[in-house]
Protein backbone atom coordinates (compact mmCIF):
# COMPACT_ATOMS: atom_id res chain seq x y z
CA MET A 1 105.12 97.33 120.35
CA PRO A 2 106.71 97.25 123.80
CA ASP A 3 105.43 94.58 126.17
CA ASP A 4 106.23 95.96 129.62
CA GLN A 5 104.55 99.00 131.23
CA ASP A 6 107.77 101.08 131.51
CA SER A 7 108.48 100.64 127.80
CA LEU A 8 104.88 101.52 126.94
CA ILE A 9 105.15 104.77 128.90
CA SER A 10 108.43 105.63 127.15
CA PHE A 11 106.93 104.76 123.78
CA ALA A 12 103.98 107.07 124.44
CA MET A 13 106.30 109.86 125.55
CA ASP A 14 108.07 109.62 122.18
CA CYS A 15 104.76 109.85 120.29
CA VAL A 16 104.35 113.14 118.40
CA PHE A 17 100.57 112.97 118.89
CA CYS A 18 100.97 112.52 122.66
CA LYS A 19 103.24 115.58 122.68
CA ILE A 20 100.62 117.62 120.79
CA ALA A 21 97.90 116.44 123.19
CA ALA A 22 100.12 117.38 126.15
CA GLY A 23 100.83 120.80 124.64
CA THR A 24 104.59 120.32 124.35
CA ILE A 25 104.37 120.62 120.56
CA PRO A 26 102.29 123.56 119.31
CA ALA A 27 99.31 122.93 117.05
CA ASP A 28 96.42 124.84 115.49
CA ILE A 29 93.69 123.39 117.74
CA VAL A 30 90.17 123.23 116.25
CA TYR A 31 88.52 121.12 118.98
CA SER A 32 89.48 120.10 122.48
CA ASP A 33 87.82 118.42 125.45
CA GLU A 34 88.95 116.25 128.37
CA GLU A 35 89.51 113.16 126.21
CA LEU A 36 90.02 114.37 122.64
CA ILE A 37 91.90 116.98 120.67
CA ALA A 38 91.66 117.94 117.00
CA PHE A 39 94.11 120.11 115.11
CA ARG A 40 94.96 121.22 111.58
CA ASP A 41 97.38 119.00 109.67
CA ILE A 42 100.66 120.82 108.98
CA HIS A 43 100.81 119.20 105.51
CA PRO A 44 97.15 119.09 104.44
CA MET A 45 96.11 116.93 101.52
CA ALA A 46 92.76 118.71 101.19
CA PRO A 47 91.49 122.26 101.77
CA VAL A 48 90.33 121.18 105.24
CA HIS A 49 92.46 118.44 106.79
CA ASP A 50 92.03 118.09 110.55
CA ILE A 51 93.40 115.31 112.74
CA LEU A 52 91.33 114.02 115.67
CA ILE A 53 93.12 112.02 118.37
CA PRO A 54 92.39 110.78 121.86
CA ARG A 55 94.50 112.28 124.64
CA LYS A 56 95.10 108.68 125.75
CA HIS A 57 97.91 107.04 123.78
CA ILE A 58 96.49 104.40 121.44
CA ALA A 59 99.03 103.34 118.82
CA SER A 60 96.43 102.31 116.22
CA VAL A 61 92.85 101.11 115.84
CA ASN A 62 94.23 97.65 116.59
CA GLY A 63 95.24 99.01 120.00
CA LEU A 64 91.64 99.70 121.00
CA SER A 65 90.22 97.49 123.74
CA ASP A 66 86.71 96.86 125.00
CA SER A 67 87.29 99.55 127.63
CA ASP A 68 87.77 102.10 124.80
CA GLN A 69 84.27 101.67 123.34
CA ALA A 70 82.90 104.89 124.84
CA LEU A 71 86.01 106.82 123.78
CA ALA A 72 85.70 105.54 120.20
CA GLY A 73 82.04 106.61 120.15
CA ARG A 74 82.94 110.08 121.44
CA MET A 75 85.56 110.34 118.69
CA MET A 76 82.91 109.65 116.07
CA LEU A 77 80.60 112.32 117.51
CA ALA A 78 83.45 114.84 117.76
CA ALA A 79 84.44 114.12 114.15
CA GLY A 80 80.92 115.14 113.13
CA LYS A 81 81.29 118.42 115.03
CA ILE A 82 84.57 119.41 113.40
CA ALA A 83 83.78 118.18 109.88
């Protein structure tokens, strides 16, 4: 993962999920709020296969920080709404 801020911004701009969240790549949106977006998977592995992501770029669960605790909690609650 990039270590300087400019590289991190570039890395996020190349992220397909960031592009979906920004609306530059179309998606079948099933849930959306200020911090989260959920959409149908284009290659589902189950009859219902939705993807829930934060609008903030977080590369993986390992990229979560203490400041993301509330966001992670909101993701869990949103997952319950779209399930």
